[in-house]
Amino acid sequence: MSGAETVQLVVGLGNPGAGHAEDRHNVGFWLIDALASALKVDMRIESRYKGELGRAASGLRLLKPSTYMNLSGESVAPCAAYFRVPPASVLVVHDELDLPVGAVRLKRGGGHGGHNGLRSIEQMLGTNDYLRIRLGIGHPGVGRDVAGYVLSRPPAAERDAITAAINAVLDNFETITNGGFNRAMNTLNQRVAKVKE
């Protein structure tokens, strides 16, 4: 990847259904919802891509897989293939246990780090050469149930910190998607996450 990629497809990861809507694992969906609202994009269920898909006036496509997290690639890969979007122009937004609550990190390529959604996407695309936005949700600590943690609702102060992180991404979104990924990375990766006591 060159650092001057133009993003054509933004994918937010999460689990479908009202019962998961407020889970930490669904922060990727939260960002897509905020982005769709900001760009006035109408999201519609598209069964051939197993997800909700929308298209901005610029041509940028937004996708929320309606598979469960572990099968995200079954939505991302056929969508990218149909619209002829190369992996380097796919941007995946996901929750990140290894970052403090409210932190943002932009990343280009790399491993899945144990994240099952990324693992599925890598398997189905046949490469890990895609862009990511990692939204920090914090870690429950040694010995705690990680699955229970990611599948639960954050307290209000943490939700506010994650919302602030999403807003920071939206403020830099044009730069992120129009060839300025490195520049946005320098800005957002240095941002300090704060959770109000």
N, C-alpha and C. Protein backbone atom coordinates (compact mmCIF):
# COMPACT_ATOMS: atom_id res chain seq x y z
N MET A 1 0.84 -1.20 0.00
CA MET A 1 0.00 0.00 0.00
C MET A 1 0.87 1.25 0.00
N SER A 2 0.40 2.28 -0.67
CA SER A 2 1.23 3.46 -0.88
C SER A 2 1.02 4.56 0.13
N GLY A 3 -0.12 4.54 0.82
CA GLY A 3 -0.45 5.65 1.71
C GLY A 3 -1.31 6.69 1.03
N ALA A 4 -1.55 6.52 -0.30
CA ALA A 4 -2.38 7.46 -1.05
C ALA A 4 -3.61 6.77 -1.62
N GLU A 5 -4.07 5.75 -0.90
CA GLU A 5 -5.23 5.00 -1.37
C GLU A 5 -6.49 5.85 -1.34
N THR A 6 -7.36 5.59 -2.30
CA THR A 6 -8.70 6.16 -2.26
C THR A 6 -9.64 5.07 -1.78
N VAL A 7 -10.31 5.30 -0.67
CA VAL A 7 -11.20 4.30 -0.10
C VAL A 7 -12.50 4.26 -0.91
N GLN A 8 -12.92 3.05 -1.27
CA GLN A 8 -14.16 2.88 -2.03
C GLN A 8 -15.26 2.18 -1.23
N LEU A 9 -14.86 1.42 -0.20
CA LEU A 9 -15.82 0.66 0.59
C LEU A 9 -15.43 0.75 2.07
N VAL A 10 -16.36 1.24 2.90
CA VAL A 10 -16.14 1.32 4.34
C VAL A 10 -17.04 0.29 5.00
N VAL A 11 -16.45 -0.60 5.78
CA VAL A 11 -17.18 -1.68 6.43
C VAL A 11 -17.12 -1.49 7.94
N GLY A 12 -18.26 -1.46 8.59
CA GLY A 12 -18.30 -1.45 10.04
C GLY A 12 -18.67 -2.83 10.54
N LEU A 13 -17.92 -3.34 11.51
CA LEU A 13 -18.17 -4.68 12.02
C LEU A 13 -19.04 -4.65 13.27
N GLY A 14 -19.87 -5.68 13.40
CA GLY A 14 -20.74 -5.81 14.56
C GLY A 14 -21.59 -7.05 14.42
N ASN A 15 -22.49 -7.24 15.35
CA ASN A 15 -23.46 -8.34 15.31
C ASN A 15 -24.85 -7.77 15.03
N PRO A 16 -25.65 -8.47 14.23
CA PRO A 16 -26.99 -7.96 13.90
C PRO A 16 -27.96 -8.14 15.05
N GLY A 17 -29.05 -7.39 14.99
CA GLY A 17 -30.14 -7.56 15.94
C GLY A 17 -30.14 -6.54 17.06
N ALA A 18 -31.34 -6.21 17.52
CA ALA A 18 -31.50 -5.19 18.57
C ALA A 18 -30.79 -5.59 19.86
N GLY A 19 -30.70 -6.90 20.12
CA GLY A 19 -30.07 -7.36 21.35
C GLY A 19 -28.59 -7.08 21.43
N HIS A 20 -27.96 -6.80 20.28
CA HIS A 20 -26.52 -6.51 20.25
C HIS A 20 -26.22 -5.05 19.94
N ALA A 21 -27.23 -4.25 19.69
CA ALA A 21 -27.03 -2.89 19.17
C ALA A 21 -26.12 -2.04 20.04
N GLU A 22 -26.17 -2.22 21.35
CA GLU A 22 -25.38 -1.39 22.26
C GLU A 22 -24.12 -2.08 22.76
N ASP A 23 -23.80 -3.25 22.25
CA ASP A 23 -22.60 -3.98 22.68
C ASP A 23 -21.32 -3.25 22.26
N ARG A 24 -20.28 -3.39 23.06
CA ARG A 24 -18.97 -2.85 22.69
C ARG A 24 -18.50 -3.40 21.34
N HIS A 25 -18.84 -4.67 21.06
CA HIS A 25 -18.41 -5.32 19.82
C HIS A 25 -18.99 -4.63 18.59
N ASN A 26 -19.99 -3.77 18.78
CA ASN A 26 -20.70 -3.15 17.66
C ASN A 26 -20.25 -1.73 17.35
N VAL A 27 -19.10 -1.32 17.86
CA VAL A 27 -18.68 0.07 17.62
C VAL A 27 -18.48 0.36 16.13
N GLY A 28 -18.14 -0.67 15.35
CA GLY A 28 -18.03 -0.47 13.91
C GLY A 28 -19.36 -0.08 13.30
N PHE A 29 -20.44 -0.71 13.77
CA PHE A 29 -21.79 -0.33 13.32
C PHE A 29 -22.09 1.11 13.75
N TRP A 30 -21.69 1.47 14.98
CA TRP A 30 -21.97 2.82 15.46
C TRP A 30 -21.35 3.86 14.54
N LEU A 31 -20.12 3.60 14.09
CA LEU A 31 -19.46 4.57 13.21
C LEU A 31 -20.16 4.64 11.86
N ILE A 32 -20.53 3.48 11.31
CA ILE A 32 -21.23 3.49 10.02
C ILE A 32 -22.56 4.24 10.13
N ASP A 33 -23.28 4.03 11.23
CA ASP A 33 -24.55 4.75 11.42
C ASP A 33 -24.33 6.26 11.47
N ALA A 34 -23.28 6.68 12.18
CA ALA A 34 -22.98 8.11 12.28
C ALA A 34 -22.56 8.67 10.92
N LEU A 35 -21.78 7.88 10.19
CA LEU A 35 -21.31 8.31 8.87
C LEU A 35 -22.47 8.38 7.88
N ALA A 36 -23.35 7.38 7.92
CA ALA A 36 -24.51 7.38 7.02
C ALA A 36 -25.39 8.60 7.29
N SER A 37 -25.54 8.94 8.56
CA SER A 37 -26.34 10.13 8.90
C SER A 37 -25.67 11.40 8.38
N ALA A 38 -24.35 11.52 8.58
CA ALA A 38 -23.62 12.71 8.16
C ALA A 38 -23.63 12.87 6.64
N LEU A 39 -23.55 11.75 5.92
CA LEU A 39 -23.47 11.79 4.45
C LEU A 39 -24.84 11.63 3.79
N LYS A 40 -25.89 11.51 4.64
CA LYS A 40 -27.25 11.32 4.13
C LYS A 40 -27.35 10.10 3.22
N VAL A 41 -26.78 8.99 3.70
CA VAL A 41 -26.79 7.73 2.97
C VAL A 41 -27.92 6.85 3.48
N ASP A 42 -28.70 6.33 2.56
CA ASP A 42 -29.80 5.41 2.90
C ASP A 42 -29.24 3.99 2.89
N MET A 43 -29.24 3.34 4.04
CA MET A 43 -28.74 1.97 4.16
C MET A 43 -29.89 0.99 3.93
N ARG A 44 -29.66 0.02 3.04
CA ARG A 44 -30.70 -0.95 2.71
C ARG A 44 -30.14 -2.37 2.76
N ILE A 45 -30.98 -3.30 3.21
CA ILE A 45 -30.57 -4.70 3.23
C ILE A 45 -30.36 -5.18 1.79
N GLU A 46 -29.18 -5.76 1.55
CA GLU A 46 -28.86 -6.35 0.25
C GLU A 46 -28.48 -7.81 0.49
N SER A 47 -29.41 -8.72 0.18
CA SER A 47 -29.21 -10.13 0.54
C SER A 47 -28.01 -10.74 -0.18
N ARG A 48 -27.70 -10.26 -1.38
CA ARG A 48 -26.57 -10.87 -2.11
C ARG A 48 -25.24 -10.60 -1.42
N TYR A 49 -25.19 -9.53 -0.60
CA TYR A 49 -23.96 -9.22 0.14
C TYR A 49 -24.10 -9.52 1.63
N LYS A 50 -25.23 -10.10 2.01
CA LYS A 50 -25.47 -10.45 3.42
C LYS A 50 -25.22 -9.25 4.33
N GLY A 51 -25.82 -8.12 4.01
CA GLY A 51 -25.60 -6.94 4.84
C GLY A 51 -26.46 -5.76 4.42
N GLU A 52 -26.28 -4.66 5.14
CA GLU A 52 -26.90 -3.39 4.80
C GLU A 52 -25.88 -2.57 4.01
N LEU A 53 -26.29 -2.07 2.87
CA LEU A 53 -25.38 -1.35 1.98
C LEU A 53 -25.96 0.00 1.63
N GLY A 54 -25.12 1.01 1.56
CA GLY A 54 -25.53 2.33 1.13
C GLY A 54 -24.44 2.96 0.28
N ARG A 55 -24.83 3.95 -0.54
CA ARG A 55 -23.88 4.62 -1.43
C ARG A 55 -24.02 6.12 -1.26
N ALA A 56 -22.88 6.77 -0.97
CA ALA A 56 -22.85 8.22 -0.83
C ALA A 56 -22.83 8.87 -2.20
N ALA A 57 -23.12 10.17 -2.23
CA ALA A 57 -23.11 10.91 -3.50
C ALA A 57 -21.74 10.83 -4.18
N SER A 58 -20.69 10.71 -3.39
CA SER A 58 -19.33 10.62 -3.93
C SER A 58 -19.03 9.29 -4.58
N GLY A 59 -19.90 8.30 -4.36
CA GLY A 59 -19.66 6.95 -4.86
C GLY A 59 -19.14 6.00 -3.78
N LEU A 60 -18.74 6.55 -2.63
CA LEU A 60 -18.28 5.73 -1.53
C LEU A 60 -19.41 4.84 -1.03
N ARG A 61 -19.10 3.56 -0.81
CA ARG A 61 -20.10 2.62 -0.30
C ARG A 61 -19.85 2.29 1.16
N LEU A 62 -20.94 2.16 1.91
CA LEU A 62 -20.89 1.80 3.33
C LEU A 62 -21.57 0.44 3.49
N LEU A 63 -20.99 -0.41 4.33
CA LEU A 63 -21.51 -1.77 4.50
C LEU A 63 -21.51 -2.16 5.97
N LYS A 64 -22.65 -2.72 6.41
CA LYS A 64 -22.77 -3.33 7.73
C LYS A 64 -23.15 -4.80 7.51
N PRO A 65 -22.21 -5.73 7.67
CA PRO A 65 -22.55 -7.14 7.48
C PRO A 65 -23.67 -7.57 8.43
N SER A 66 -24.61 -8.36 7.91
CA SER A 66 -25.66 -8.90 8.77
C SER A 66 -25.39 -10.35 9.13
N THR A 67 -24.22 -10.83 8.75
CA THR A 67 -23.73 -12.09 9.29
C THR A 67 -23.35 -11.81 10.74
N TYR A 68 -23.10 -12.82 11.51
CA TYR A 68 -22.50 -12.54 12.81
C TYR A 68 -21.04 -12.23 12.61
N MET A 69 -20.43 -11.60 13.63
CA MET A 69 -19.06 -11.10 13.54
C MET A 69 -18.11 -12.13 12.94
N ASN A 70 -18.19 -13.38 13.40
CA ASN A 70 -17.24 -14.41 12.97
C ASN A 70 -17.30 -14.72 11.48
N LEU A 71 -18.37 -14.29 10.81
CA LEU A 71 -18.55 -14.58 9.39
C LEU A 71 -18.54 -13.31 8.54
N SER A 72 -17.97 -12.24 9.06
CA SER A 72 -17.99 -10.94 8.36
C SER A 72 -17.47 -11.02 6.94
N GLY A 73 -16.49 -11.86 6.70
CA GLY A 73 -15.91 -11.98 5.37
C GLY A 73 -16.90 -12.45 4.32
N GLU A 74 -17.95 -13.17 4.76
CA GLU A 74 -18.96 -13.66 3.82
C GLU A 74 -19.81 -12.52 3.27
N SER A 75 -19.75 -11.36 3.91
CA SER A 75 -20.41 -10.16 3.41
C SER A 75 -19.42 -9.28 2.65
N VAL A 76 -18.26 -9.06 3.26
CA VAL A 76 -17.27 -8.12 2.70
C VAL A 76 -16.74 -8.60 1.35
N ALA A 77 -16.35 -9.86 1.25
CA ALA A 77 -15.69 -10.35 0.04
C ALA A 77 -16.60 -10.29 -1.19
N PRO A 78 -17.85 -10.77 -1.13
CA PRO A 78 -18.69 -10.66 -2.33
C PRO A 78 -19.04 -9.23 -2.70
N CYS A 79 -19.18 -8.37 -1.71
CA CYS A 79 -19.46 -6.96 -2.00
C CYS A 79 -18.28 -6.31 -2.70
N ALA A 80 -17.08 -6.52 -2.16
CA ALA A 80 -15.88 -5.96 -2.78
C ALA A 80 -15.69 -6.51 -4.19
N ALA A 81 -15.94 -7.81 -4.37
CA ALA A 81 -15.76 -8.42 -5.68
C ALA A 81 -16.75 -7.86 -6.70
N TYR A 82 -18.01 -7.73 -6.31
CA TYR A 82 -19.04 -7.25 -7.25
C TYR A 82 -18.73 -5.84 -7.73
N PHE A 83 -18.31 -4.98 -6.80
CA PHE A 83 -18.05 -3.59 -7.17
C PHE A 83 -16.60 -3.35 -7.58
N ARG A 84 -15.84 -4.44 -7.69
CA ARG A 84 -14.44 -4.39 -8.14
C ARG A 84 -13.60 -3.46 -7.27
N VAL A 85 -13.78 -3.60 -5.97
CA VAL A 85 -13.01 -2.81 -5.02
C VAL A 85 -11.80 -3.64 -4.58
N PRO A 86 -10.59 -3.19 -4.87
CA PRO A 86 -9.42 -3.95 -4.43
C PRO A 86 -9.28 -3.88 -2.91
N PRO A 87 -8.67 -4.89 -2.29
CA PRO A 87 -8.52 -4.88 -0.84
C PRO A 87 -7.91 -3.60 -0.28
N ALA A 88 -6.96 -3.02 -1.00
CA ALA A 88 -6.29 -1.81 -0.52
C ALA A 88 -7.22 -0.61 -0.45
N SER A 89 -8.43 -0.72 -1.07
CA SER A 89 -9.41 0.37 -1.02
C SER A 89 -10.59 0.03 -0.11
N VAL A 90 -10.44 -1.05 0.68
CA VAL A 90 -11.44 -1.43 1.67
C VAL A 90 -10.98 -0.94 3.03
N LEU A 91 -11.85 -0.24 3.74
CA LEU A 91 -11.57 0.27 5.09
C LEU A 91 -12.51 -0.40 6.07
N VAL A 92 -11.95 -1.13 7.04
CA VAL A 92 -12.74 -1.87 8.01
C VAL A 92 -12.65 -1.19 9.37
N VAL A 93 -13.80 -0.93 9.98
CA VAL A 93 -13.87 -0.29 11.29
C VAL A 93 -14.27 -1.35 12.32
N HIS A 94 -13.48 -1.47 13.39
CA HIS A 94 -13.76 -2.53 14.37
C HIS A 94 -13.36 -2.12 15.77
N ASP A 95 -13.88 -2.86 16.74
CA ASP A 95 -13.54 -2.66 18.15
C ASP A 95 -12.15 -3.21 18.42
N GLU A 96 -11.45 -2.61 19.38
CA GLU A 96 -10.09 -3.04 19.70
C GLU A 96 -9.90 -3.13 21.22
N LEU A 97 -9.75 -4.35 21.71
CA LEU A 97 -9.54 -4.59 23.15
C LEU A 97 -8.22 -4.02 23.64
N ASP A 98 -7.22 -4.00 22.76
CA ASP A 98 -5.87 -3.63 23.18
C ASP A 98 -5.62 -2.12 23.16
N LEU A 99 -6.67 -1.33 22.98
CA LEU A 99 -6.56 0.12 23.05
C LEU A 99 -7.45 0.65 24.16
N PRO A 100 -7.05 1.75 24.81
CA PRO A 100 -7.89 2.35 25.85
C PRO A 100 -9.24 2.79 25.28
N VAL A 101 -10.24 2.83 26.13
CA VAL A 101 -11.56 3.27 25.71
C VAL A 101 -11.48 4.66 25.09
N GLY A 102 -12.01 4.80 23.88
CA GLY A 102 -12.03 6.09 23.21
C GLY A 102 -10.82 6.40 22.36
N ALA A 103 -9.83 5.50 22.34
CA ALA A 103 -8.66 5.70 21.48
C ALA A 103 -9.01 5.34 20.04
N VAL A 104 -8.29 5.92 19.10
CA VAL A 104 -8.45 5.61 17.68
C VAL A 104 -7.08 5.31 17.11
N ARG A 105 -6.99 4.27 16.32
CA ARG A 105 -5.75 3.99 15.60
C ARG A 105 -6.09 3.59 14.18
N LEU A 106 -5.48 4.27 13.23
CA LEU A 106 -5.58 3.87 11.83
C LEU A 106 -4.42 2.92 11.54
N LYS A 107 -4.70 1.91 10.76
CA LYS A 107 -3.69 0.89 10.48
C LYS A 107 -3.82 0.41 9.05
N ARG A 108 -2.71 0.08 8.45
CA ARG A 108 -2.68 -0.43 7.09
C ARG A 108 -2.16 -1.86 7.13
N GLY A 109 -3.01 -2.81 6.74
CA GLY A 109 -2.58 -4.20 6.70
C GLY A 109 -2.31 -4.76 8.09
N GLY A 110 -1.62 -5.90 8.13
CA GLY A 110 -1.26 -6.53 9.39
C GLY A 110 -2.16 -7.69 9.73
N GLY A 111 -1.86 -8.35 10.84
CA GLY A 111 -2.61 -9.54 11.25
C GLY A 111 -3.96 -9.20 11.85
N HIS A 112 -4.71 -10.26 12.17
CA HIS A 112 -6.05 -10.06 12.74
C HIS A 112 -6.02 -9.91 14.25
N GLY A 113 -4.91 -10.23 14.90
CA GLY A 113 -4.79 -10.01 16.34
C GLY A 113 -5.81 -10.76 17.16
N GLY A 114 -6.32 -11.88 16.63
CA GLY A 114 -7.32 -12.65 17.37
C GLY A 114 -8.75 -12.16 17.20
N HIS A 115 -8.93 -11.08 16.42
CA HIS A 115 -10.28 -10.55 16.19
C HIS A 115 -10.96 -11.42 15.13
N ASN A 116 -12.06 -12.07 15.50
CA ASN A 116 -12.69 -13.04 14.61
C ASN A 116 -13.29 -12.42 13.36
N GLY A 117 -13.75 -11.18 13.46
CA GLY A 117 -14.26 -10.50 12.28
C GLY A 117 -13.16 -10.27 11.26
N LEU A 118 -12.01 -9.80 11.72
CA LEU A 118 -10.87 -9.58 10.82
C LEU A 118 -10.34 -10.90 10.27
N ARG A 119 -10.34 -11.93 11.11
CA ARG A 119 -9.89 -13.24 10.66
C ARG A 119 -10.73 -13.73 9.48
N SER A 120 -12.06 -13.56 9.59
CA SER A 120 -12.96 -13.98 8.53
C SER A 120 -12.73 -13.17 7.25
N ILE A 121 -12.55 -11.86 7.40
CA ILE A 121 -12.32 -11.01 6.23
C ILE A 121 -11.02 -11.40 5.53
N GLU A 122 -9.98 -11.62 6.31
CA GLU A 122 -8.69 -12.02 5.74
C GLU A 122 -8.83 -13.34 4.97
N GLN A 123 -9.54 -14.30 5.56
CA GLN A 123 -9.73 -15.60 4.90
C GLN A 123 -10.49 -15.45 3.59
N MET A 124 -11.56 -14.65 3.60
CA MET A 124 -12.41 -14.54 2.41
C MET A 124 -11.82 -13.66 1.32
N LEU A 125 -11.08 -12.61 1.73
CA LEU A 125 -10.42 -11.76 0.73
C LEU A 125 -9.14 -12.40 0.21
N GLY A 126 -8.57 -13.31 1.00
CA GLY A 126 -7.32 -13.95 0.62
C GLY A 126 -6.10 -13.08 0.88
N THR A 127 -6.28 -12.02 1.68
CA THR A 127 -5.18 -11.12 1.99
C THR A 127 -5.53 -10.30 3.24
N ASN A 128 -4.51 -9.79 3.92
CA ASN A 128 -4.75 -8.85 5.02
C ASN A 128 -4.39 -7.43 4.60
N ASP A 129 -4.26 -7.23 3.30
CA ASP A 129 -3.81 -5.95 2.74
C ASP A 129 -4.99 -4.99 2.56
N TYR A 130 -5.65 -4.65 3.69
CA TYR A 130 -6.73 -3.67 3.65
C TYR A 130 -6.53 -2.69 4.80
N LEU A 131 -7.28 -1.61 4.80
CA LEU A 131 -7.14 -0.55 5.79
C LEU A 131 -8.06 -0.81 6.98
N ARG A 132 -7.65 -0.32 8.16
CA ARG A 132 -8.48 -0.50 9.34
C ARG A 132 -8.57 0.80 10.15
N ILE A 133 -9.69 0.97 10.82
CA ILE A 133 -9.83 1.94 11.90
C ILE A 133 -10.15 1.13 13.15
N ARG A 134 -9.26 1.21 14.13
CA ARG A 134 -9.42 0.47 15.38
C ARG A 134 -9.96 1.43 16.44
N LEU A 135 -11.12 1.11 16.98
CA LEU A 135 -11.74 1.94 18.01
C LEU A 135 -11.58 1.26 19.37
N GLY A 136 -10.87 1.92 20.28
CA GLY A 136 -10.56 1.31 21.57
C GLY A 136 -11.78 1.13 22.46
N ILE A 137 -11.92 -0.07 23.01
CA ILE A 137 -13.00 -0.35 23.97
C ILE A 137 -12.43 -0.77 25.33
N GLY A 138 -11.09 -0.79 25.46
CA GLY A 138 -10.48 -1.22 26.71
C GLY A 138 -10.53 -2.73 26.86
N HIS A 139 -9.89 -3.21 27.91
CA HIS A 139 -9.80 -4.65 28.17
C HIS A 139 -10.34 -4.93 29.56
N PRO A 140 -11.07 -6.03 29.73
CA PRO A 140 -11.65 -6.32 31.05
C PRO A 140 -10.63 -6.73 32.10
N GLY A 141 -9.39 -7.06 31.66
CA GLY A 141 -8.36 -7.44 32.63
C GLY A 141 -8.13 -8.94 32.65
N VAL A 142 -7.03 -9.33 33.22
CA VAL A 142 -6.65 -10.74 33.28
C VAL A 142 -7.70 -11.53 34.05
N GLY A 143 -8.07 -12.68 33.49
CA GLY A 143 -9.01 -13.56 34.17
C GLY A 143 -10.47 -13.22 33.97
N ARG A 144 -10.75 -12.08 33.37
CA ARG A 144 -12.15 -11.70 33.11
C ARG A 144 -12.61 -12.32 31.80
N ASP A 145 -13.90 -12.43 31.64
CA ASP A 145 -14.50 -13.03 30.45
C ASP A 145 -14.53 -12.00 29.32
N VAL A 146 -13.62 -12.16 28.36
CA VAL A 146 -13.54 -11.21 27.25
C VAL A 146 -14.82 -11.25 26.42
N ALA A 147 -15.34 -12.46 26.15
CA ALA A 147 -16.55 -12.56 25.33
C ALA A 147 -17.71 -11.83 26.00
N GLY A 148 -17.87 -12.01 27.30
CA GLY A 148 -18.94 -11.31 28.01
C GLY A 148 -18.74 -9.82 28.00
N TYR A 149 -17.49 -9.38 28.04
CA TYR A 149 -17.16 -7.95 28.04
C TYR A 149 -17.53 -7.30 26.71
N VAL A 150 -17.08 -7.90 25.59
CA VAL A 150 -17.35 -7.28 24.29
C VAL A 150 -18.83 -7.35 23.92
N LEU A 151 -19.53 -8.32 24.50
CA LEU A 151 -20.96 -8.47 24.19
C LEU A 151 -21.84 -7.81 25.24
N SER A 152 -21.30 -6.81 25.91
CA SER A 152 -22.09 -6.05 26.89
C SER A 152 -21.99 -4.56 26.60
N ARG A 153 -22.90 -3.81 27.19
CA ARG A 153 -23.00 -2.37 26.97
C ARG A 153 -21.99 -1.63 27.85
N PRO A 154 -21.25 -0.68 27.29
CA PRO A 154 -20.33 0.10 28.12
C PRO A 154 -21.11 1.08 28.99
N PRO A 155 -20.56 1.44 30.15
CA PRO A 155 -21.22 2.48 30.95
C PRO A 155 -21.22 3.81 30.21
N ALA A 156 -22.05 4.74 30.67
CA ALA A 156 -22.28 5.99 29.94
C ALA A 156 -21.00 6.77 29.65
N ALA A 157 -20.09 6.84 30.63
CA ALA A 157 -18.86 7.61 30.43
C ALA A 157 -18.00 7.00 29.32
N GLU A 158 -17.96 5.67 29.27
CA GLU A 158 -17.19 5.00 28.22
C GLU A 158 -17.87 5.17 26.86
N ARG A 159 -19.18 5.10 26.85
CA ARG A 159 -19.91 5.31 25.59
C ARG A 159 -19.64 6.71 25.06
N ASP A 160 -19.60 7.70 25.95
CA ASP A 160 -19.31 9.08 25.54
C ASP A 160 -17.91 9.19 24.94
N ALA A 161 -16.96 8.48 25.54
CA ALA A 161 -15.58 8.52 25.04
C ALA A 161 -15.49 7.88 23.65
N ILE A 162 -16.23 6.79 23.45
CA ILE A 162 -16.24 6.13 22.15
C ILE A 162 -16.93 7.03 21.11
N THR A 163 -18.01 7.69 21.51
CA THR A 163 -18.69 8.62 20.61
C THR A 163 -17.76 9.76 20.21
N ALA A 164 -16.96 10.26 21.17
CA ALA A 164 -15.99 11.32 20.85
C ALA A 164 -14.96 10.81 19.85
N ALA A 165 -14.55 9.55 19.98
CA ALA A 165 -13.60 8.96 19.04
C ALA A 165 -14.22 8.87 17.65
N ILE A 166 -15.47 8.44 17.59
CA ILE A 166 -16.16 8.36 16.30
C ILE A 166 -16.28 9.74 15.67
N ASN A 167 -16.58 10.75 16.46
CA ASN A 167 -16.67 12.11 15.93
C ASN A 167 -15.33 12.60 15.41
N ALA A 168 -14.24 12.20 16.08
CA ALA A 168 -12.91 12.58 15.61
C ALA A 168 -12.62 11.95 14.25
N VAL A 169 -13.05 10.69 14.08
CA VAL A 169 -12.90 10.04 12.77
C VAL A 169 -13.71 10.77 11.71
N LEU A 170 -14.95 11.13 12.04
CA LEU A 170 -15.79 11.84 11.07
C LEU A 170 -15.17 13.17 10.67
N ASP A 171 -14.55 13.85 11.64
CA ASP A 171 -13.90 15.14 11.35
C ASP A 171 -12.76 14.98 10.36
N ASN A 172 -12.16 13.80 10.32
CA ASN A 172 -11.01 13.55 9.43
C ASN A 172 -11.36 12.62 8.27
N PHE A 173 -12.65 12.39 8.08
CA PHE A 173 -13.03 11.32 7.16
C PHE A 173 -12.68 11.61 5.71
N GLU A 174 -12.84 12.85 5.29
CA GLU A 174 -12.51 13.17 3.90
C GLU A 174 -11.03 12.94 3.63
N THR A 175 -10.20 13.29 4.60
CA THR A 175 -8.76 13.05 4.47
C THR A 175 -8.47 11.55 4.41
N ILE A 176 -9.11 10.78 5.32
CA ILE A 176 -8.89 9.33 5.39
C ILE A 176 -9.20 8.67 4.06
N THR A 177 -10.30 9.05 3.44
CA THR A 177 -10.80 8.32 2.28
C THR A 177 -10.29 8.85 0.94
N ASN A 178 -9.68 10.01 0.93
CA ASN A 178 -9.26 10.62 -0.34
C ASN A 178 -7.76 10.81 -0.45
N GLY A 179 -7.04 9.73 -0.16
CA GLY A 179 -5.59 9.73 -0.39
C GLY A 179 -4.75 10.28 0.73
N GLY A 180 -5.38 10.66 1.86
CA GLY A 180 -4.62 11.23 2.97
C GLY A 180 -4.55 10.32 4.18
N PHE A 181 -4.55 9.00 3.95
CA PHE A 181 -4.59 8.06 5.07
C PHE A 181 -3.42 8.27 6.02
N ASN A 182 -2.22 8.46 5.49
CA ASN A 182 -1.05 8.68 6.36
C ASN A 182 -1.19 9.95 7.17
N ARG A 183 -1.70 11.00 6.54
CA ARG A 183 -1.87 12.28 7.24
C ARG A 183 -2.89 12.14 8.36
N ALA A 184 -4.00 11.47 8.07
CA ALA A 184 -5.02 11.25 9.09
C ALA A 184 -4.49 10.34 10.20
N MET A 185 -3.67 9.38 9.82
CA MET A 185 -3.06 8.48 10.81
C MET A 185 -2.22 9.28 11.80
N ASN A 186 -1.43 10.20 11.29
CA ASN A 186 -0.60 11.04 12.15
C ASN A 186 -1.44 11.87 13.12
N THR A 187 -2.58 12.33 12.64
CA THR A 187 -3.47 13.15 13.48
C THR A 187 -4.19 12.31 14.53
N LEU A 188 -4.86 11.26 14.08
CA LEU A 188 -5.74 10.49 14.97
C LEU A 188 -4.97 9.56 15.91
N ASN A 189 -3.86 9.02 15.44
CA ASN A 189 -3.13 8.08 16.29
C ASN A 189 -2.46 8.78 17.47
N GLN A 190 -2.33 10.11 17.39
CA GLN A 190 -1.75 10.86 18.50
C GLN A 190 -2.82 11.44 19.43
N ARG A 191 -4.06 11.24 19.04
CA ARG A 191 -5.16 11.77 19.85
C ARG A 191 -5.21 11.06 21.21
N VAL A 192 -5.44 11.83 22.27
CA VAL A 192 -5.50 11.27 23.63
C VAL A 192 -6.96 10.97 23.97
N ALA A 193 -7.22 9.70 24.31
CA ALA A 193 -8.57 9.29 24.70
C ALA A 193 -8.82 9.65 26.17
N LYS A 194 -9.98 10.18 26.44
CA LYS A 194 -10.33 10.56 27.81
C LYS A 194 -11.72 10.04 28.18
N VAL A 195 -11.81 9.38 29.33
CA VAL A 195 -13.09 8.94 29.87
C VAL A 195 -13.36 9.78 31.10
N LYS A 196 -14.48 10.50 31.10
CA LYS A 196 -14.82 11.34 32.26
C LYS A 196 -15.14 10.47 33.46
N GLU A 197 -14.59 10.87 34.60
CA GLU A 197 -14.85 10.13 35.84
C GLU A 197 -16.28 10.34 36.32
